[in-house]
Amino acid sequence: MKIQVNGEGRTANAGVTVAELLRELDIRPDRVAVEVNTEVLNRQEFERRGLHEGDHVEIISFIGGGAGECGDLSIGRL
């Protein structure tokens, strides 16, 4: 089936879960937020949420760092 991941077309097996997709992409689920068709998912949903033909998946990473006392927080698409 065809899905979109961060705006790029991708082929995936029918019924693949968000967790399986993250494993395929070598992405740690504890370091990202995932949105499917504009719905932000709870991490507990990653194992249960199956993807379907035409789904749009956005994977957002949170990156900390910087020289400040509390550091800087950046948000970026993977």
PDB file of N, CA and C in Angstrom:
ATOM      1  N   MET A   1       0.840  -1.172   0.000  1.00  0.00           N
ATOM      2  CA  MET A   1       0.000   0.000   0.000  1.00  0.00           C
ATOM      3  C   MET A   1       0.885   1.235   0.000  1.00  0.00           C
ATOM      4  N   LYS A   2       0.329   2.352  -0.417  1.00  0.00           N
ATOM      5  CA  LYS A   2       1.076   3.601  -0.470  1.00  0.00           C
ATOM      6  C   LYS A   2       0.615   4.534   0.651  1.00  0.00           C
ATOM      7  N   ILE A   3       1.599   5.086   1.365  1.00  0.00           N
ATOM      8  CA  ILE A   3       1.355   6.065   2.408  1.00  0.00           C
ATOM      9  C   ILE A   3       2.307   7.242   2.194  1.00  0.00           C
ATOM     10  N   GLN A   4       2.085   8.315   2.919  1.00  0.00           N
ATOM     11  CA  GLN A   4       2.989   9.465   2.918  1.00  0.00           C
ATOM     12  C   GLN A   4       3.632   9.545   4.299  1.00  0.00           C
ATOM     13  N   VAL A   5       4.951   9.664   4.329  1.00  0.00           N
ATOM     14  CA  VAL A   5       5.674   9.837   5.584  1.00  0.00           C
ATOM     15  C   VAL A   5       6.464  11.134   5.476  1.00  0.00           C
ATOM     16  N   ASN A   6       6.107  12.101   6.291  1.00  0.00           N
ATOM     17  CA  ASN A   6       6.728  13.422   6.258  1.00  0.00           C
ATOM     18  C   ASN A   6       6.766  13.989   4.845  1.00  0.00           C
ATOM     19  N   GLY A   7       5.653  13.819   4.139  1.00  0.00           N
ATOM     20  CA  GLY A   7       5.503  14.409   2.823  1.00  0.00           C
ATOM     21  C   GLY A   7       6.089  13.623   1.666  1.00  0.00           C
ATOM     22  N   GLU A   8       6.684  12.471   1.940  1.00  0.00           N
ATOM     23  CA  GLU A   8       7.285  11.655   0.890  1.00  0.00           C
ATOM     24  C   GLU A   8       6.527  10.345   0.745  1.00  0.00           C
ATOM     25  N   GLY A   9       6.291   9.945  -0.492  1.00  0.00           N
ATOM     26  CA  GLY A   9       5.608   8.689  -0.752  1.00  0.00           C
ATOM     27  C   GLY A   9       6.440   7.501  -0.289  1.00  0.00           C
ATOM     28  N   ARG A  10       5.763   6.500   0.220  1.00  0.00           N
ATOM     29  CA  ARG A  10       6.426   5.295   0.725  1.00  0.00           C
ATOM     30  C   ARG A  10       5.486   4.121   0.545  1.00  0.00           C
ATOM     31  N   THR A  11       6.046   2.964   0.262  1.00  0.00           N
ATOM     32  CA  THR A  11       5.270   1.736   0.176  1.00  0.00           C
ATOM     33  C   THR A  11       5.410   0.999   1.504  1.00  0.00           C
ATOM     34  N   ALA A  12       4.296   0.495   2.013  1.00  0.00           N
ATOM     35  CA  ALA A  12       4.294  -0.243   3.281  1.00  0.00           C
ATOM     36  C   ALA A  12       3.397  -1.461   3.136  1.00  0.00           C
ATOM     37  N   ASN A  13       3.646  -2.452   3.966  1.00  0.00           N
ATOM     38  CA  ASN A  13       2.789  -3.634   3.984  1.00  0.00           C
ATOM     39  C   ASN A  13       1.419  -3.260   4.542  1.00  0.00           C
ATOM     40  N   ALA A  14       0.387  -3.846   4.000  1.00  0.00           N
ATOM     41  CA  ALA A  14      -0.974  -3.595   4.476  1.00  0.00           C
ATOM     42  C   ALA A  14      -1.058  -3.910   5.964  1.00  0.00           C
ATOM     43  N   GLY A  15      -1.676  -2.998   6.721  1.00  0.00           N
ATOM     44  CA  GLY A  15      -1.895  -3.223   8.140  1.00  0.00           C
ATOM     45  C   GLY A  15      -0.694  -2.965   9.027  1.00  0.00           C
ATOM     46  N   VAL A  16       0.407  -2.457   8.462  1.00  0.00           N
ATOM     47  CA  VAL A  16       1.573  -2.166   9.291  1.00  0.00           C
ATOM     48  C   VAL A  16       1.165  -1.179  10.381  1.00  0.00           C
ATOM     49  N   THR A  17       1.689  -1.361  11.579  1.00  0.00           N
ATOM     50  CA  THR A  17       1.374  -0.446  12.678  1.00  0.00           C
ATOM     51  C   THR A  17       2.377   0.702  12.693  1.00  0.00           C
ATOM     52  N   VAL A  18       2.035   1.742  13.420  1.00  0.00           N
ATOM     53  CA  VAL A  18       2.945   2.873  13.583  1.00  0.00           C
ATOM     54  C   VAL A  18       4.248   2.389  14.213  1.00  0.00           C
ATOM     55  N   ALA A  19       4.166   1.525  15.219  1.00  0.00           N
ATOM     56  CA  ALA A  19       5.360   1.001  15.874  1.00  0.00           C
ATOM     57  C   ALA A  19       6.242   0.248  14.880  1.00  0.00           C
ATOM     58  N   GLU A  20       5.639  -0.555  14.025  1.00  0.00           N
ATOM     59  CA  GLU A  20       6.413  -1.295  13.022  1.00  0.00           C
ATOM     60  C   GLU A  20       7.070  -0.340  12.029  1.00  0.00           C
ATOM     61  N   LEU A  21       6.348   0.690  11.625  1.00  0.00           N
ATOM     62  CA  LEU A  21       6.919   1.682  10.721  1.00  0.00           C
ATOM     63  C   LEU A  21       8.125   2.358  11.365  1.00  0.00           C
ATOM     64  N   LEU A  22       8.000   2.752  12.621  1.00  0.00           N
ATOM     65  CA  LEU A  22       9.119   3.385  13.316  1.00  0.00           C
ATOM     66  C   LEU A  22      10.318   2.442  13.393  1.00  0.00           C
ATOM     67  N   ARG A  23      10.084   1.153  13.646  1.00  0.00           N
ATOM     68  CA  ARG A  23      11.184   0.180  13.683  1.00  0.00           C
ATOM     69  C   ARG A  23      11.843   0.073  12.312  1.00  0.00           C
ATOM     70  N   GLU A  24      11.034   0.023  11.246  1.00  0.00           N
ATOM     71  CA  GLU A  24      11.575  -0.040   9.882  1.00  0.00           C
ATOM     72  C   GLU A  24      12.454   1.167   9.578  1.00  0.00           C
ATOM     73  N   LEU A  25      12.053   2.322  10.103  1.00  0.00           N
ATOM     74  CA  LEU A  25      12.796   3.559   9.865  1.00  0.00           C
ATOM     75  C   LEU A  25      13.925   3.765  10.875  1.00  0.00           C
ATOM     76  N   ASP A  26      14.094   2.814  11.796  1.00  0.00           N
ATOM     77  CA  ASP A  26      15.116   2.876  12.845  1.00  0.00           C
ATOM     78  C   ASP A  26      14.972   4.144  13.692  1.00  0.00           C
ATOM     79  N   ILE A  27      13.724   4.410  14.100  1.00  0.00           N
ATOM     80  CA  ILE A  27      13.400   5.578  14.911  1.00  0.00           C
ATOM     81  C   ILE A  27      12.906   5.108  16.274  1.00  0.00           C
ATOM     82  N   ARG A  28      13.493   5.656  17.324  1.00  0.00           N
ATOM     83  CA  ARG A  28      13.072   5.317  18.685  1.00  0.00           C
ATOM     84  C   ARG A  28      11.749   5.991  18.999  1.00  0.00           C
ATOM     85  N   PRO A  29      10.724   5.226  19.377  1.00  0.00           N
ATOM     86  CA  PRO A  29       9.403   5.806  19.632  1.00  0.00           C
ATOM     87  C   PRO A  29       9.366   6.756  20.822  1.00  0.00           C
ATOM     88  N   ASP A  30      10.298   6.621  21.749  1.00  0.00           N
ATOM     89  CA  ASP A  30      10.305   7.496  22.917  1.00  0.00           C
ATOM     90  C   ASP A  30      10.876   8.879  22.608  1.00  0.00           C
ATOM     91  N   ARG A  31      11.367   9.078  21.393  1.00  0.00           N
ATOM     92  CA  ARG A  31      11.979  10.353  21.020  1.00  0.00           C
ATOM     93  C   ARG A  31      11.183  11.134  19.979  1.00  0.00           C
ATOM     94  N   VAL A  32       9.981  10.656  19.673  1.00  0.00           N
ATOM     95  CA  VAL A  32       9.201  11.315  18.626  1.00  0.00           C
ATOM     96  C   VAL A  32       7.732  11.448  19.008  1.00  0.00           C
ATOM     97  N   ALA A  33       7.071  12.335  18.303  1.00  0.00           N
ATOM     98  CA  ALA A  33       5.616  12.429  18.314  1.00  0.00           C
ATOM     99  C   ALA A  33       5.172  12.005  16.916  1.00  0.00           C
ATOM    100  N   VAL A  34       4.028  11.338  16.842  1.00  0.00           N
ATOM    101  CA  VAL A  34       3.529  10.866  15.547  1.00  0.00           C
ATOM    102  C   VAL A  34       2.100  11.340  15.352  1.00  0.00           C
ATOM    103  N   GLU A  35       1.858  11.828  14.155  1.00  0.00           N
ATOM    104  CA  GLU A  35       0.535  12.284  13.754  1.00  0.00           C
ATOM    105  C   GLU A  35       0.127  11.468  12.528  1.00  0.00           C
ATOM    106  N   VAL A  36      -1.077  10.937  12.550  1.00  0.00           N
ATOM    107  CA  VAL A  36      -1.614  10.209  11.394  1.00  0.00           C
ATOM    108  C   VAL A  36      -2.888  10.929  10.962  1.00  0.00           C
ATOM    109  N   ASN A  37      -2.877  11.405   9.734  1.00  0.00           N
ATOM    110  CA  ASN A  37      -4.032  12.131   9.184  1.00  0.00           C
ATOM    111  C   ASN A  37      -4.496  13.237  10.126  1.00  0.00           C
ATOM    112  N   THR A  38      -3.567  14.037  10.596  1.00  0.00           N
ATOM    113  CA  THR A  38      -3.750  15.187  11.497  1.00  0.00           C
ATOM    114  C   THR A  38      -4.137  14.821  12.930  1.00  0.00           C
ATOM    115  N   GLU A  39      -4.183  13.545  13.270  1.00  0.00           N
ATOM    116  CA  GLU A  39      -4.477  13.108  14.642  1.00  0.00           C
ATOM    117  C   GLU A  39      -3.169  12.758  15.350  1.00  0.00           C
ATOM    118  N   VAL A  40      -2.868  13.470  16.439  1.00  0.00           N
ATOM    119  CA  VAL A  40      -1.672  13.180  17.223  1.00  0.00           C
ATOM    120  C   VAL A  40      -1.947  11.940  18.071  1.00  0.00           C
ATOM    121  N   LEU A  41      -1.045  10.968  17.991  1.00  0.00           N
ATOM    122  CA  LEU A  41      -1.233   9.703  18.706  1.00  0.00           C
ATOM    123  C   LEU A  41      -0.514   9.711  20.046  1.00  0.00           C
ATOM    124  N   ASN A  42      -1.105   9.047  21.031  1.00  0.00           N
ATOM    125  CA  ASN A  42      -0.405   8.739  22.274  1.00  0.00           C
ATOM    126  C   ASN A  42       0.562   7.602  21.985  1.00  0.00           C
ATOM    127  N   ARG A  43       1.679   7.596  22.670  1.00  0.00           N
ATOM    128  CA  ARG A  43       2.663   6.520  22.431  1.00  0.00           C
ATOM    129  C   ARG A  43       2.059   5.128  22.645  1.00  0.00           C
ATOM    130  N   GLN A  44       1.093   5.028  23.553  1.00  0.00           N
ATOM    131  CA  GLN A  44       0.461   3.733  23.812  1.00  0.00           C
ATOM    132  C   GLN A  44      -0.278   3.220  22.575  1.00  0.00           C
ATOM    133  N   GLU A  45      -0.629   4.104  21.663  1.00  0.00           N
ATOM    134  CA  GLU A  45      -1.355   3.716  20.457  1.00  0.00           C
ATOM    135  C   GLU A  45      -0.442   3.197  19.350  1.00  0.00           C
ATOM    136  N   PHE A  46       0.858   3.441  19.439  1.00  0.00           N
ATOM    137  CA  PHE A  46       1.771   3.081  18.351  1.00  0.00           C
ATOM    138  C   PHE A  46       1.681   1.596  17.979  1.00  0.00           C
ATOM    139  N   GLU A  47       1.580   0.728  18.971  1.00  0.00           N
ATOM    140  CA  GLU A  47       1.532  -0.729  18.702  1.00  0.00           C
ATOM    141  C   GLU A  47       0.197  -1.162  18.106  1.00  0.00           C
ATOM    142  N   ARG A  48      -0.871  -0.443  18.415  1.00  0.00           N
ATOM    143  CA  ARG A  48      -2.210  -0.847  17.970  1.00  0.00           C
ATOM    144  C   ARG A  48      -2.657  -0.163  16.687  1.00  0.00           C
ATOM    145  N   ARG A  49      -2.148   1.029  16.410  1.00  0.00           N
ATOM    146  CA  ARG A  49      -2.653   1.844  15.299  1.00  0.00           C
ATOM    147  C   ARG A  49      -2.112   1.333  13.979  1.00  0.00           C
ATOM    148  N   GLY A  50      -2.980   0.671  13.219  1.00  0.00           N
ATOM    149  CA  GLY A  50      -2.618   0.204  11.890  1.00  0.00           C
ATOM    150  C   GLY A  50      -2.737   1.325  10.874  1.00  0.00           C
ATOM    151  N   LEU A  51      -1.893   1.272   9.867  1.00  0.00           N
ATOM    152  CA  LEU A  51      -1.938   2.269   8.804  1.00  0.00           C
ATOM    153  C   LEU A  51      -2.697   1.712   7.609  1.00  0.00           C
ATOM    154  N   HIS A  52      -3.276   2.618   6.833  1.00  0.00           N
ATOM    155  CA  HIS A  52      -4.103   2.231   5.694  1.00  0.00           C
ATOM    156  C   HIS A  52      -3.665   2.983   4.450  1.00  0.00           C
ATOM    157  N   GLU A  53      -4.058   2.472   3.307  1.00  0.00           N
ATOM    158  CA  GLU A  53      -3.769   3.102   2.022  1.00  0.00           C
ATOM    159  C   GLU A  53      -4.087   4.592   2.075  1.00  0.00           C
ATOM    160  N   GLY A  54      -3.101   5.402   1.667  1.00  0.00           N
ATOM    161  CA  GLY A  54      -3.307   6.841   1.587  1.00  0.00           C
ATOM    162  C   GLY A  54      -3.090   7.615   2.867  1.00  0.00           C
ATOM    163  N   ASP A  55      -2.787   6.929   3.977  1.00  0.00           N
ATOM    164  CA  ASP A  55      -2.559   7.645   5.234  1.00  0.00           C
ATOM    165  C   ASP A  55      -1.376   8.596   5.105  1.00  0.00           C
ATOM    166  N   HIS A  56      -1.476   9.720   5.831  1.00  0.00           N
ATOM    167  CA  HIS A  56      -0.406  10.708   5.906  1.00  0.00           C
ATOM    168  C   HIS A  56       0.159  10.670   7.321  1.00  0.00           C
ATOM    169  N   VAL A  57       1.423  10.320   7.426  1.00  0.00           N
ATOM    170  CA  VAL A  57       2.097  10.186   8.712  1.00  0.00           C
ATOM    171  C   VAL A  57       3.139  11.291   8.832  1.00  0.00           C
ATOM    172  N   GLU A  58       3.120  11.982   9.939  1.00  0.00           N
ATOM    173  CA  GLU A  58       4.143  12.976  10.256  1.00  0.00           C
ATOM    174  C   GLU A  58       4.863  12.497  11.506  1.00  0.00           C
ATOM    175  N   ILE A  59       6.184  12.442  11.429  1.00  0.00           N
ATOM    176  CA  ILE A  59       7.010  12.026  12.558  1.00  0.00           C
ATOM    177  C   ILE A  59       7.848  13.230  12.961  1.00  0.00           C
ATOM    178  N   ILE A  60       7.655  13.674  14.195  1.00  0.00           N
ATOM    179  CA  ILE A  60       8.304  14.875  14.702  1.00  0.00           C
ATOM    180  C   ILE A  60       9.270  14.481  15.810  1.00  0.00           C
ATOM    181  N   SER A  61      10.512  14.978  15.716  1.00  0.00           N
ATOM    182  CA  SER A  61      11.485  14.694  16.767  1.00  0.00           C
ATOM    183  C   SER A  61      11.711  15.940  17.610  1.00  0.00           C
ATOM    184  N   PHE A  62      12.041  15.735  18.850  1.00  0.00           N
ATOM    185  CA  PHE A  62      12.363  16.807  19.785  1.00  0.00           C
ATOM    186  C   PHE A  62      13.845  16.704  20.084  1.00  0.00           C
ATOM    187  N   ILE A  63      14.559  17.794  19.831  1.00  0.00           N
ATOM    188  CA  ILE A  63      16.011  17.790  19.970  1.00  0.00           C
ATOM    189  C   ILE A  63      16.391  18.828  21.008  1.00  0.00           C
ATOM    190  N   GLY A  64      17.041  18.401  22.077  1.00  0.00           N
ATOM    191  CA  GLY A  64      17.474  19.325  23.114  1.00  0.00           C
ATOM    192  C   GLY A  64      18.948  19.641  22.957  1.00  0.00           C
ATOM    193  N   GLY A  65      19.370  20.705  23.582  1.00  0.00           N
ATOM    194  CA  GLY A  65      20.781  21.074  23.529  1.00  0.00           C
ATOM    195  C   GLY A  65      20.937  22.565  23.688  1.00  0.00           C
ATOM    196  N   GLY A  66      22.130  23.040  23.462  1.00  0.00           N
ATOM    197  CA  GLY A  66      22.400  24.465  23.540  1.00  0.00           C
ATOM    198  C   GLY A  66      23.222  24.805  24.768  1.00  0.00           C
ATOM    199  N   ALA A  67      23.607  26.055  24.859  1.00  0.00           N
ATOM    200  CA  ALA A  67      24.501  26.495  25.922  1.00  0.00           C
ATOM    201  C   ALA A  67      23.766  27.089  27.111  1.00  0.00           C
ATOM    202  N   GLY A  68      22.471  27.327  26.981  1.00  0.00           N
ATOM    203  CA  GLY A  68      21.709  27.937  28.071  1.00  0.00           C
ATOM    204  C   GLY A  68      21.581  27.017  29.262  1.00  0.00           C
ATOM    205  N   GLU A  69      21.191  27.603  30.384  1.00  0.00           N
ATOM    206  CA  GLU A  69      21.036  26.828  31.613  1.00  0.00           C
ATOM    207  C   GLU A  69      20.022  25.701  31.437  1.00  0.00           C
ATOM    208  N   CYS A  70      18.923  26.000  30.763  1.00  0.00           N
ATOM    209  CA  CYS A  70      17.895  24.984  30.524  1.00  0.00           C
ATOM    210  C   CYS A  70      18.043  24.351  29.149  1.00  0.00           C
ATOM    211  N   GLY A  71      18.930  24.854  28.324  1.00  0.00           N
ATOM    212  CA  GLY A  71      19.102  24.328  26.983  1.00  0.00           C
ATOM    213  C   GLY A  71      18.027  24.839  26.049  1.00  0.00           C
ATOM    214  N   ASP A  72      18.192  24.567  24.794  1.00  0.00           N
ATOM    215  CA  ASP A  72      17.219  24.941  23.779  1.00  0.00           C
ATOM    216  C   ASP A  72      16.460  23.710  23.348  1.00  0.00           C
ATOM    217  N   LEU A  73      15.245  23.893  22.895  1.00  0.00           N
ATOM    218  CA  LEU A  73      14.443  22.788  22.408  1.00  0.00           C
ATOM    219  C   LEU A  73      14.038  23.093  20.973  1.00  0.00           C
ATOM    220  N   SER A  74      14.384  22.198  20.085  1.00  0.00           N
ATOM    221  CA  SER A  74      14.025  22.352  18.687  1.00  0.00           C
ATOM    222  C   SER A  74      13.069  21.243  18.300  1.00  0.00           C
ATOM    223  N   ILE A  75      12.206  21.526  17.364  1.00  0.00           N
ATOM    224  CA  ILE A  75      11.274  20.540  16.853  1.00  0.00           C
ATOM    225  C   ILE A  75      11.550  20.390  15.369  1.00  0.00           C
ATOM    226  N   GLY A  76      11.679  19.158  14.914  1.00  0.00           N
ATOM    227  CA  GLY A  76      11.954  18.956  13.499  1.00  0.00           C
ATOM    228  C   GLY A  76      11.354  17.683  12.973  1.00  0.00           C
ATOM    229  N   ARG A  77      11.052  17.699  11.678  1.00  0.00           N
ATOM    230  CA  ARG A  77      10.556  16.492  11.030  1.00  0.00           C
ATOM    231  C   ARG A  77      11.731  15.578  10.766  1.00  0.00           C
ATOM    232  N   LEU A  78      11.505  14.292  10.899  1.00  0.00           N
ATOM    233  CA  LEU A  78      12.541  13.312  10.569  1.00  0.00           C
ATOM    234  C   LEU A  78      12.516  12.989   9.113  1.00  0.00           C
TER     235      LEU A  78
END
